[in-house]
Amino acid sequence: MPDKIKIKDLLLRTTVGINDWERKEKQDIIINAELTLDLKKAGKTDDISNTVDYKKLKKEIIDFVEKSSPYLIETIAYNITEICIRKAGVIGVSVEVDKPGALRFARSTSVCVERKWRTFFISVGSNINPKENIKNAIEKLKSISEIRVEKVSNLYTTTAINEYGEYDLSLPKFINCVVKAETFLEKHELEDKLYQIEKELGRNEKGNFSPRTIDLDIILIRDQDKTVFVHKDISERDFLYFCITEIENNISGLPFHPKEKWIQKIRSGEVQKVSLA
C-alpha cells in the first residue's frame, strides 16, 4: 500500500467567487492535500531530504492562495495540485478545497482534483528531413514543464506503408524511435501537446499516408508497473515493440514479436540503425 502525507483542514482566507460581494470580501476556504509517495527511505534514515518538507509545502500553498484572487475554487485546487505533484518523489496528489457557506442550506461546497505521474511511451517518426525533425520534436517534448523525458530508444529506418497496408518503396524511408516519458497529464492532454508539436514542425494532417515532417503517437501507457493502454500499431509494426523493449524489457501485456526476425531485418539491411548526428 502506498505511503501518504496529509495536510488536513488548512484554514485560509482569500478573495474567491463570482458575485460582487465575494470580490470585495475575503472568505474562508479549507484545504486538504494528500500526497502519495514512498516514505521507506525517510523512515529508515530519519532524514528530511528523503521526504517532502510539508512545512515548506504549507508555506507555498499559503503564498499562492494569499496572492491569488480567482473566481473559482476549482482554480485554487488545480494550482495547489500542480504545486504538490512537482515535489520530488511524489507519485500522486489529491487536493480538496472546501468553501464553507457557499450554498444556502449546505454546510459547504468543495471540489477535489487528483493527479498522478504515469509512464507514456511515444512513437516518433519522420520521412521528411527526419533527423532534424526528430531531434527538434524530442527537444520540444523536453521543454514542456509537465513532462519528464526519461529515455530515448535507438533510431531505425523503416519502409513507408501505403493506405493498403503494403510497403511502398516509392516513398522516402522513415526514421523511427520511441520516447519514454513521465507526466501527470491525462492522455487527451498529452495528445494535445503532441499535436501542437506536430503543427509547429509543419505537420498539416493526421491519418493519411503521405510523407510527413513528424508523427507523434502515444503507443503505451503504464500506471505504477501496470500496462493500461497498448496501441494496435505495436502488433502491426515490430520496430515499435523492439524500441520499447530496448528501453524497458519487462513490460507485461505487449504483443510478442520474434527477436530472430528483427535481427534478420537488421542483418539484411531492411532495417538500419541510425544516429541523429
C-alpha atoms as a PDB file:
ATOM      1  CA  MET A   1       0.000   0.000   0.000  1.00  0.00           C
ATOM      2  CA  PRO A   2       1.424   3.448  -0.953  1.00  0.00           C
ATOM      3  CA  ASP A   3       2.543   5.815   1.783  1.00  0.00           C
ATOM      4  CA  LYS A   4       0.793   9.133   2.327  1.00  0.00           C
ATOM      5  CA  ILE A   5       1.496  12.614   3.612  1.00  0.00           C
ATOM      6  CA  LYS A   6      -1.654  14.568   4.516  1.00  0.00           C
ATOM      7  CA  ILE A   7      -2.155  18.242   5.255  1.00  0.00           C
ATOM      8  CA  LYS A   8      -5.554  18.456   6.917  1.00  0.00           C
ATOM      9  CA  ASP A   9      -8.005  21.320   7.331  1.00  0.00           C
ATOM     10  CA  LEU A  10      -5.674  24.182   6.392  1.00  0.00           C
ATOM     11  CA  LEU A  11      -7.891  27.236   7.010  1.00  0.00           C
ATOM     12  CA  LEU A  12      -7.094  30.271   4.854  1.00  0.00           C
ATOM     13  CA  ARG A  13      -8.848  33.442   3.727  1.00  0.00           C
ATOM     14  CA  THR A  14      -8.846  34.729   0.162  1.00  0.00           C
ATOM     15  CA  THR A  15     -10.879  36.522  -2.455  1.00  0.00           C
ATOM     16  CA  VAL A  16     -12.772  33.870  -4.402  1.00  0.00           C
ATOM     17  CA  GLY A  17     -16.177  33.876  -6.071  1.00  0.00           C
ATOM     18  CA  ILE A  18     -18.174  35.341  -8.945  1.00  0.00           C
ATOM     19  CA  ASN A  19     -20.548  37.622  -7.014  1.00  0.00           C
ATOM     20  CA  ASP A  20     -19.773  41.299  -6.446  1.00  0.00           C
ATOM     21  CA  TRP A  21     -19.678  40.936  -2.668  1.00  0.00           C
ATOM     22  CA  GLU A  22     -17.282  37.971  -2.997  1.00  0.00           C
ATOM     23  CA  ARG A  23     -14.869  40.196  -4.922  1.00  0.00           C
ATOM     24  CA  LYS A  24     -14.877  42.713  -2.065  1.00  0.00           C
ATOM     25  CA  GLU A  25     -14.730  40.466   0.995  1.00  0.00           C
ATOM     26  CA  LYS A  26     -12.332  37.631   1.675  1.00  0.00           C
ATOM     27  CA  GLN A  27     -13.877  34.284   2.505  1.00  0.00           C
ATOM     28  CA  ASP A  28     -12.723  31.204   4.358  1.00  0.00           C
ATOM     29  CA  ILE A  29     -11.537  28.166   2.440  1.00  0.00           C
ATOM     30  CA  ILE A  30     -10.383  24.859   3.900  1.00  0.00           C
ATOM     31  CA  ILE A  31      -7.686  22.884   2.103  1.00  0.00           C
ATOM     32  CA  ASN A  32      -6.909  19.195   2.436  1.00  0.00           C
ATOM     33  CA  ALA A  33      -3.969  17.798   0.477  1.00  0.00           C
ATOM     34  CA  GLU A  34      -2.919  14.153   0.270  1.00  0.00           C
ATOM     35  CA  LEU A  35       0.426  13.218  -1.311  1.00  0.00           C
ATOM     36  CA  THR A  36       1.269   9.652  -2.314  1.00  0.00           C
ATOM     37  CA  LEU A  37       4.941   8.672  -2.209  1.00  0.00           C
ATOM     38  CA  ASP A  38       7.375   6.098  -0.870  1.00  0.00           C
ATOM     39  CA  LEU A  39       8.398   7.015   2.682  1.00  0.00           C
ATOM     40  CA  LYS A  40      10.508   3.926   3.333  1.00  0.00           C
ATOM     41  CA  LYS A  41      13.863   5.689   2.927  1.00  0.00           C
ATOM     42  CA  ALA A  42      12.799   8.635   5.069  1.00  0.00           C
ATOM     43  CA  GLY A  43      11.576   6.256   7.770  1.00  0.00           C
ATOM     44  CA  LYS A  44      14.863   4.355   7.807  1.00  0.00           C
ATOM     45  CA  THR A  45      17.236   7.341   7.615  1.00  0.00           C
ATOM     46  CA  ASP A  46      15.278   9.907   9.663  1.00  0.00           C
ATOM     47  CA  ASP A  47      16.470  12.431   7.037  1.00  0.00           C
ATOM     48  CA  ILE A  48      14.082  15.143   5.837  1.00  0.00           C
ATOM     49  CA  SER A  49      15.796  15.234   2.431  1.00  0.00           C
ATOM     50  CA  ASN A  50      14.214  11.825   1.751  1.00  0.00           C
ATOM     51  CA  THR A  51      10.671  13.106   2.098  1.00  0.00           C
ATOM     52  CA  VAL A  52       8.593  16.184   1.302  1.00  0.00           C
ATOM     53  CA  ASP A  53       9.145  19.060   3.698  1.00  0.00           C
ATOM     54  CA  TYR A  54       5.495  19.661   4.478  1.00  0.00           C
ATOM     55  CA  LYS A  55       6.224  22.845   6.429  1.00  0.00           C
ATOM     56  CA  LYS A  56       7.703  24.379   3.278  1.00  0.00           C
ATOM     57  CA  LEU A  57       4.867  22.932   1.212  1.00  0.00           C
ATOM     58  CA  LYS A  58       2.289  24.516   3.523  1.00  0.00           C
ATOM     59  CA  LYS A  59       4.035  27.878   3.092  1.00  0.00           C
ATOM     60  CA  GLU A  60       3.952  27.536  -0.704  1.00  0.00           C
ATOM     61  CA  ILE A  61       0.238  26.795  -0.580  1.00  0.00           C
ATOM     62  CA  ILE A  62      -0.415  29.767   1.701  1.00  0.00           C
ATOM     63  CA  ASP A  63       1.679  32.083  -0.507  1.00  0.00           C
ATOM     64  CA  PHE A  64      -0.220  31.021  -3.608  1.00  0.00           C
ATOM     65  CA  VAL A  65      -3.664  31.353  -2.032  1.00  0.00           C
ATOM     66  CA  GLU A  66      -2.973  34.740  -0.425  1.00  0.00           C
ATOM     67  CA  LYS A  67      -1.617  36.204  -3.674  1.00  0.00           C
ATOM     68  CA  SER A  68      -4.421  34.904  -5.869  1.00  0.00           C
ATOM     69  CA  SER A  69      -7.989  36.094  -6.289  1.00  0.00           C
ATOM     70  CA  PRO A  70      -9.685  33.590  -8.608  1.00  0.00           C
ATOM     71  CA  TYR A  71     -13.351  33.322  -9.411  1.00  0.00           C
ATOM     72  CA  LEU A  72     -13.454  29.565  -8.852  1.00  0.00           C
ATOM     73  CA  ILE A  73     -12.289  27.240  -6.082  1.00  0.00           C
ATOM     74  CA  GLU A  74     -11.546  24.838  -8.945  1.00  0.00           C
ATOM     75  CA  THR A  75      -8.689  27.184  -9.899  1.00  0.00           C
ATOM     76  CA  ILE A  76      -7.293  27.058  -6.380  1.00  0.00           C
ATOM     77  CA  ALA A  77      -7.493  23.254  -6.243  1.00  0.00           C
ATOM     78  CA  TYR A  78      -5.892  22.847  -9.670  1.00  0.00           C
ATOM     79  CA  ASN A  79      -2.941  25.103  -8.868  1.00  0.00           C
ATOM     80  CA  ILE A  80      -2.300  23.573  -5.443  1.00  0.00           C
ATOM     81  CA  THR A  81      -2.320  20.150  -7.092  1.00  0.00           C
ATOM     82  CA  GLU A  82       0.325  21.359  -9.549  1.00  0.00           C
ATOM     83  CA  ILE A  83       2.473  22.644  -6.686  1.00  0.00           C
ATOM     84  CA  CYS A  84       2.264  19.289  -4.895  1.00  0.00           C
ATOM     85  CA  ILE A  85       2.712  16.929  -7.857  1.00  0.00           C
ATOM     86  CA  ARG A  86       6.027  18.545  -8.815  1.00  0.00           C
ATOM     87  CA  LYS A  87       7.653  17.724  -5.479  1.00  0.00           C
ATOM     88  CA  ALA A  88      10.449  15.174  -5.750  1.00  0.00           C
ATOM     89  CA  GLY A  89       9.303  11.630  -5.074  1.00  0.00           C
ATOM     90  CA  VAL A  90       5.588  12.392  -5.200  1.00  0.00           C
ATOM     91  CA  ILE A  91       3.647   9.791  -7.206  1.00  0.00           C
ATOM     92  CA  GLY A  92       0.136  11.154  -6.872  1.00  0.00           C
ATOM     93  CA  VAL A  93      -1.819  14.003  -5.319  1.00  0.00           C
ATOM     94  CA  SER A  94      -5.389  14.635  -4.212  1.00  0.00           C
ATOM     95  CA  VAL A  95      -6.411  18.160  -3.218  1.00  0.00           C
ATOM     96  CA  GLU A  96      -9.800  19.200  -1.846  1.00  0.00           C
ATOM     97  CA  VAL A  97     -10.760  22.848  -1.485  1.00  0.00           C
ATOM     98  CA  ASP A  98     -13.795  23.480   0.699  1.00  0.00           C
ATOM     99  CA  LYS A  99     -15.727  26.770   0.751  1.00  0.00           C
ATOM    100  CA  PRO A 100     -17.993  26.914   3.815  1.00  0.00           C
ATOM    101  CA  GLY A 101     -21.332  28.618   3.299  1.00  0.00           C
ATOM    102  CA  ALA A 102     -21.022  28.800  -0.476  1.00  0.00           C
ATOM    103  CA  LEU A 103     -24.532  27.380  -0.924  1.00  0.00           C
ATOM    104  CA  ARG A 104     -27.588  28.189   1.111  1.00  0.00           C
ATOM    105  CA  PHE A 105     -28.740  25.277   3.316  1.00  0.00           C
ATOM    106  CA  ALA A 106     -25.404  23.455   2.713  1.00  0.00           C
ATOM    107  CA  ARG A 107     -22.580  23.449   5.251  1.00  0.00           C
ATOM    108  CA  SER A 108     -20.017  23.836   2.478  1.00  0.00           C
ATOM    109  CA  THR A 109     -19.155  23.174  -1.139  1.00  0.00           C
ATOM    110  CA  SER A 110     -15.885  21.568  -2.185  1.00  0.00           C
ATOM    111  CA  VAL A 111     -14.005  20.429  -5.262  1.00  0.00           C
ATOM    112  CA  CYS A 112     -11.395  17.680  -5.428  1.00  0.00           C
ATOM    113  CA  VAL A 113      -8.621  17.500  -8.033  1.00  0.00           C
ATOM    114  CA  GLU A 114      -6.397  14.453  -8.438  1.00  0.00           C
ATOM    115  CA  ARG A 115      -3.214  13.970 -10.434  1.00  0.00           C
ATOM    116  CA  LYS A 116      -0.638  11.190 -10.670  1.00  0.00           C
ATOM    117  CA  TRP A 117       2.531  10.505 -12.579  1.00  0.00           C
ATOM    118  CA  ARG A 118       2.283   7.842 -15.271  1.00  0.00           C
ATOM    119  CA  THR A 119       4.657   6.486 -17.891  1.00  0.00           C
ATOM    120  CA  PHE A 120       3.930   7.115 -21.552  1.00  0.00           C
ATOM    121  CA  PHE A 121       5.774   5.597 -24.484  1.00  0.00           C
ATOM    122  CA  ILE A 122       5.583   7.882 -27.511  1.00  0.00           C
ATOM    123  CA  SER A 123       6.467   6.810 -31.044  1.00  0.00           C
ATOM    124  CA  VAL A 124       8.401   9.405 -33.047  1.00  0.00           C
ATOM    125  CA  GLY A 125       8.705   9.106 -36.819  1.00  0.00           C
ATOM    126  CA  SER A 126       9.549  11.240 -39.837  1.00  0.00           C
ATOM    127  CA  ASN A 127      10.374  10.820 -43.509  1.00  0.00           C
ATOM    128  CA  ILE A 128      10.849  14.500 -44.372  1.00  0.00           C
ATOM    129  CA  ASN A 129      14.221  15.809 -43.170  1.00  0.00           C
ATOM    130  CA  PRO A 130      13.843  13.154 -40.466  1.00  0.00           C
ATOM    131  CA  LYS A 131      16.964  13.641 -38.363  1.00  0.00           C
ATOM    132  CA  GLU A 132      16.368  17.344 -37.842  1.00  0.00           C
ATOM    133  CA  ASN A 133      12.636  16.961 -37.226  1.00  0.00           C
ATOM    134  CA  ILE A 134      13.040  14.078 -34.763  1.00  0.00           C
ATOM    135  CA  LYS A 135      15.735  15.974 -32.859  1.00  0.00           C
ATOM    136  CA  ASN A 136      13.512  19.076 -32.703  1.00  0.00           C
ATOM    137  CA  ALA A 137      10.468  17.049 -31.617  1.00  0.00           C
ATOM    138  CA  ILE A 138      12.378  15.460 -28.714  1.00  0.00           C
ATOM    139  CA  GLU A 139      13.734  18.840 -27.639  1.00  0.00           C
ATOM    140  CA  LYS A 140      10.222  20.285 -27.671  1.00  0.00           C
ATOM    141  CA  LEU A 141       8.998  17.377 -25.548  1.00  0.00           C
ATOM    142  CA  LYS A 142      11.781  18.060 -23.048  1.00  0.00           C
ATOM    143  CA  SER A 143      10.803  21.732 -22.864  1.00  0.00           C
ATOM    144  CA  ILE A 144       7.250  21.007 -21.625  1.00  0.00           C
ATOM    145  CA  SER A 145       7.207  21.517 -17.874  1.00  0.00           C
ATOM    146  CA  GLU A 146       4.610  18.788 -17.238  1.00  0.00           C
ATOM    147  CA  ILE A 147       6.720  16.135 -18.988  1.00  0.00           C
ATOM    148  CA  ARG A 148       9.948  14.404 -17.951  1.00  0.00           C
ATOM    149  CA  VAL A 149      11.683  12.620 -20.836  1.00  0.00           C
ATOM    150  CA  GLU A 150      13.386   9.589 -19.279  1.00  0.00           C
ATOM    151  CA  LYS A 151      14.856   7.609 -22.185  1.00  0.00           C
ATOM    152  CA  VAL A 152      15.002   7.502 -25.980  1.00  0.00           C
ATOM    153  CA  SER A 153      15.422   4.257 -27.913  1.00  0.00           C
ATOM    154  CA  ASN A 154      17.783   3.692 -30.798  1.00  0.00           C
ATOM    155  CA  LEU A 155      16.644   5.088 -34.141  1.00  0.00           C
ATOM    156  CA  TYR A 156      15.829   2.799 -37.070  1.00  0.00           C
ATOM    157  CA  THR A 157      14.936   3.291 -40.720  1.00  0.00           C
ATOM    158  CA  THR A 158      11.761   1.573 -41.896  1.00  0.00           C
ATOM    159  CA  THR A 159       9.945   1.362 -45.210  1.00  0.00           C
ATOM    160  CA  ALA A 160       6.845   3.524 -45.583  1.00  0.00           C
ATOM    161  CA  ILE A 161       3.438   1.821 -45.662  1.00  0.00           C
ATOM    162  CA  ASN A 162       0.673   2.902 -48.038  1.00  0.00           C
ATOM    163  CA  GLU A 163      -3.084   3.087 -47.479  1.00  0.00           C
ATOM    164  CA  TYR A 164      -3.445  -0.613 -48.335  1.00  0.00           C
ATOM    165  CA  GLY A 165      -1.032  -1.685 -45.612  1.00  0.00           C
ATOM    166  CA  GLU A 166       1.682  -2.529 -48.163  1.00  0.00           C
ATOM    167  CA  TYR A 167       5.306  -1.445 -48.169  1.00  0.00           C
ATOM    168  CA  ASP A 168       5.760   1.448 -50.612  1.00  0.00           C
ATOM    169  CA  LEU A 169       9.313   1.795 -51.922  1.00  0.00           C
ATOM    170  CA  SER A 170       8.356   4.910 -53.896  1.00  0.00           C
ATOM    171  CA  LEU A 171       8.066   6.894 -50.655  1.00  0.00           C
ATOM    172  CA  PRO A 172      11.035   8.107 -48.574  1.00  0.00           C
ATOM    173  CA  LYS A 173      12.019   5.779 -45.745  1.00  0.00           C
ATOM    174  CA  PHE A 174      11.052   6.695 -42.221  1.00  0.00           C
ATOM    175  CA  ILE A 175      13.346   7.124 -39.267  1.00  0.00           C
ATOM    176  CA  ASN A 176      11.622   5.997 -36.071  1.00  0.00           C
ATOM    177  CA  CYS A 177      12.263   5.799 -32.358  1.00  0.00           C
ATOM    178  CA  VAL A 178      10.326   5.594 -29.096  1.00  0.00           C
ATOM    179  CA  VAL A 179      10.495   8.050 -26.197  1.00  0.00           C
ATOM    180  CA  LYS A 180       9.738   7.055 -22.614  1.00  0.00           C
ATOM    181  CA  ALA A 181       8.272   9.991 -20.700  1.00  0.00           C
ATOM    182  CA  GLU A 182       6.745  10.576 -17.279  1.00  0.00           C
ATOM    183  CA  THR A 183       3.858  13.023 -16.976  1.00  0.00           C
ATOM    184  CA  PHE A 184       0.882  13.849 -14.794  1.00  0.00           C
ATOM    185  CA  LEU A 185      -1.107  14.950 -17.844  1.00  0.00           C
ATOM    186  CA  GLU A 186      -4.134  12.926 -18.867  1.00  0.00           C
ATOM    187  CA  LYS A 187      -3.930  11.054 -22.179  1.00  0.00           C
ATOM    188  CA  HIS A 188      -6.006  13.618 -24.072  1.00  0.00           C
ATOM    189  CA  GLU A 189      -3.963  16.470 -22.596  1.00  0.00           C
ATOM    190  CA  LEU A 190      -0.708  14.858 -23.724  1.00  0.00           C
ATOM    191  CA  GLU A 191      -2.193  14.191 -27.169  1.00  0.00           C
ATOM    192  CA  ASP A 192      -2.951  17.911 -27.444  1.00  0.00           C
ATOM    193  CA  LYS A 193       0.680  18.701 -26.595  1.00  0.00           C
ATOM    194  CA  LEU A 194       1.925  16.218 -29.206  1.00  0.00           C
ATOM    195  CA  TYR A 195      -0.425  17.635 -31.831  1.00  0.00           C
ATOM    196  CA  GLN A 196       0.874  21.127 -31.111  1.00  0.00           C
ATOM    197  CA  ILE A 197       4.466  19.946 -31.649  1.00  0.00           C
ATOM    198  CA  GLU A 198       3.428  18.331 -34.933  1.00  0.00           C
ATOM    199  CA  LYS A 199       1.870  21.605 -36.080  1.00  0.00           C
ATOM    200  CA  GLU A 200       4.945  23.600 -35.057  1.00  0.00           C
ATOM    201  CA  LEU A 201       7.114  21.253 -37.131  1.00  0.00           C
ATOM    202  CA  GLY A 202       4.929  21.584 -40.211  1.00  0.00           C
ATOM    203  CA  ARG A 203       2.613  18.579 -39.945  1.00  0.00           C
ATOM    204  CA  ASN A 204      -0.694  19.513 -41.557  1.00  0.00           C
ATOM    205  CA  GLU A 205      -2.824  16.373 -41.383  1.00  0.00           C
ATOM    206  CA  LYS A 206      -3.007  13.153 -39.410  1.00  0.00           C
ATOM    207  CA  GLY A 207      -4.372   9.877 -40.669  1.00  0.00           C
ATOM    208  CA  ASN A 208      -3.001   9.914 -44.204  1.00  0.00           C
ATOM    209  CA  PHE A 209      -0.066   8.004 -45.689  1.00  0.00           C
ATOM    210  CA  SER A 210       1.808  10.825 -47.402  1.00  0.00           C
ATOM    211  CA  PRO A 211       5.324  11.827 -46.298  1.00  0.00           C
ATOM    212  CA  ARG A 212       5.315  13.785 -43.054  1.00  0.00           C
ATOM    213  CA  THR A 213       7.633  16.037 -41.122  1.00  0.00           C
ATOM    214  CA  ILE A 214       6.825  14.382 -37.807  1.00  0.00           C
ATOM    215  CA  ASP A 215       4.449  11.806 -36.395  1.00  0.00           C
ATOM    216  CA  LEU A 216       3.936  11.581 -32.619  1.00  0.00           C
ATOM    217  CA  ASP A 217       1.649   8.957 -31.111  1.00  0.00           C
ATOM    218  CA  ILE A 218       1.052   7.526 -27.660  1.00  0.00           C
ATOM    219  CA  ILE A 219       1.583   3.780 -28.060  1.00  0.00           C
ATOM    220  CA  LEU A 220       1.788   2.542 -24.465  1.00  0.00           C
ATOM    221  CA  ILE A 221       0.739   3.780 -21.016  1.00  0.00           C
ATOM    222  CA  ARG A 222       1.997   2.363 -17.724  1.00  0.00           C
ATOM    223  CA  ASP A 223       0.477   3.186 -14.344  1.00  0.00           C
ATOM    224  CA  GLN A 224       2.704   2.081 -11.464  1.00  0.00           C
ATOM    225  CA  ASP A 225       4.060  -1.006 -13.297  1.00  0.00           C
ATOM    226  CA  LYS A 226       0.659  -1.888 -14.777  1.00  0.00           C
ATOM    227  CA  THR A 227       0.016  -1.638 -18.502  1.00  0.00           C
ATOM    228  CA  VAL A 228      -3.227   0.307 -19.015  1.00  0.00           C
ATOM    229  CA  PHE A 229      -3.091   1.103 -22.756  1.00  0.00           C
ATOM    230  CA  VAL A 230      -1.489  -0.636 -25.746  1.00  0.00           C
ATOM    231  CA  HIS A 231      -1.806   0.825 -29.248  1.00  0.00           C
ATOM    232  CA  LYS A 232      -2.686  -1.610 -32.034  1.00  0.00           C
ATOM    233  CA  ASP A 233       0.350  -0.417 -34.020  1.00  0.00           C
ATOM    234  CA  ILE A 234       2.610  -2.383 -31.668  1.00  0.00           C
ATOM    235  CA  SER A 235       1.023  -5.578 -33.020  1.00  0.00           C
ATOM    236  CA  GLU A 236       1.416  -4.465 -36.624  1.00  0.00           C
ATOM    237  CA  ARG A 237       4.863  -2.841 -36.534  1.00  0.00           C
ATOM    238  CA  ASP A 238       7.637  -4.813 -34.931  1.00  0.00           C
ATOM    239  CA  PHE A 239      10.039  -1.885 -34.721  1.00  0.00           C
ATOM    240  CA  LEU A 240       7.795  -0.284 -32.094  1.00  0.00           C
ATOM    241  CA  TYR A 241       7.925  -3.418 -29.966  1.00  0.00           C
ATOM    242  CA  PHE A 242      11.719  -3.617 -30.122  1.00  0.00           C
ATOM    243  CA  CYS A 243      12.185   0.108 -29.489  1.00  0.00           C
ATOM    244  CA  ILE A 244      10.039  -0.240 -26.355  1.00  0.00           C
ATOM    245  CA  THR A 245      11.881  -3.332 -25.110  1.00  0.00           C
ATOM    246  CA  GLU A 246      15.234  -1.581 -25.637  1.00  0.00           C
ATOM    247  CA  ILE A 247      14.083   0.973 -23.071  1.00  0.00           C
ATOM    248  CA  GLU A 248      12.309  -1.416 -20.700  1.00  0.00           C
ATOM    249  CA  ASN A 249      12.292  -5.167 -21.271  1.00  0.00           C
ATOM    250  CA  ASN A 250       9.996  -6.467 -18.547  1.00  0.00           C
ATOM    251  CA  ILE A 251       6.669  -4.975 -19.626  1.00  0.00           C
ATOM    252  CA  SER A 252       3.680  -7.291 -19.473  1.00  0.00           C
ATOM    253  CA  GLY A 253       0.761  -7.116 -21.874  1.00  0.00           C
ATOM    254  CA  LEU A 254       2.736  -6.394 -25.034  1.00  0.00           C
ATOM    255  CA  PRO A 255       2.061  -8.327 -28.254  1.00  0.00           C
ATOM    256  CA  PHE A 256       5.031 -10.570 -28.989  1.00  0.00           C
ATOM    257  CA  HIS A 257       7.393 -10.283 -31.975  1.00  0.00           C
ATOM    258  CA  PRO A 258      10.165 -12.874 -32.585  1.00  0.00           C
ATOM    259  CA  LYS A 259      13.585 -11.369 -31.980  1.00  0.00           C
ATOM    260  CA  GLU A 260      15.146 -13.585 -34.661  1.00  0.00           C
ATOM    261  CA  LYS A 261      13.117 -11.896 -37.421  1.00  0.00           C
ATOM    262  CA  TRP A 262      14.104  -8.471 -36.148  1.00  0.00           C
ATOM    263  CA  ILE A 263      17.791  -9.417 -36.120  1.00  0.00           C
ATOM    264  CA  GLN A 264      17.448 -10.776 -39.657  1.00  0.00           C
ATOM    265  CA  LYS A 265      15.929  -7.497 -40.846  1.00  0.00           C
ATOM    266  CA  ILE A 266      18.891  -5.595 -39.428  1.00  0.00           C
ATOM    267  CA  ARG A 267      21.444  -8.000 -40.905  1.00  0.00           C
ATOM    268  CA  SER A 268      19.804  -7.853 -44.334  1.00  0.00           C
ATOM    269  CA  GLY A 269      19.677  -4.051 -44.304  1.00  0.00           C
ATOM    270  CA  GLU A 270      15.895  -3.941 -44.459  1.00  0.00           C
ATOM    271  CA  VAL A 271      16.092  -2.052 -41.161  1.00  0.00           C
ATOM    272  CA  GLN A 272      19.104   0.112 -40.341  1.00  0.00           C
ATOM    273  CA  LYS A 273      20.175   1.662 -37.078  1.00  0.00           C
ATOM    274  CA  VAL A 274      20.998   5.357 -37.451  1.00  0.00           C
ATOM    275  CA  SER A 275      22.026   8.265 -35.233  1.00  0.00           C
ATOM    276  CA  LEU A 276      20.901  11.890 -35.132  1.00  0.00           C
ATOM    277  CA  ALA A 277      24.464  13.130 -35.590  1.00  0.00           C
END
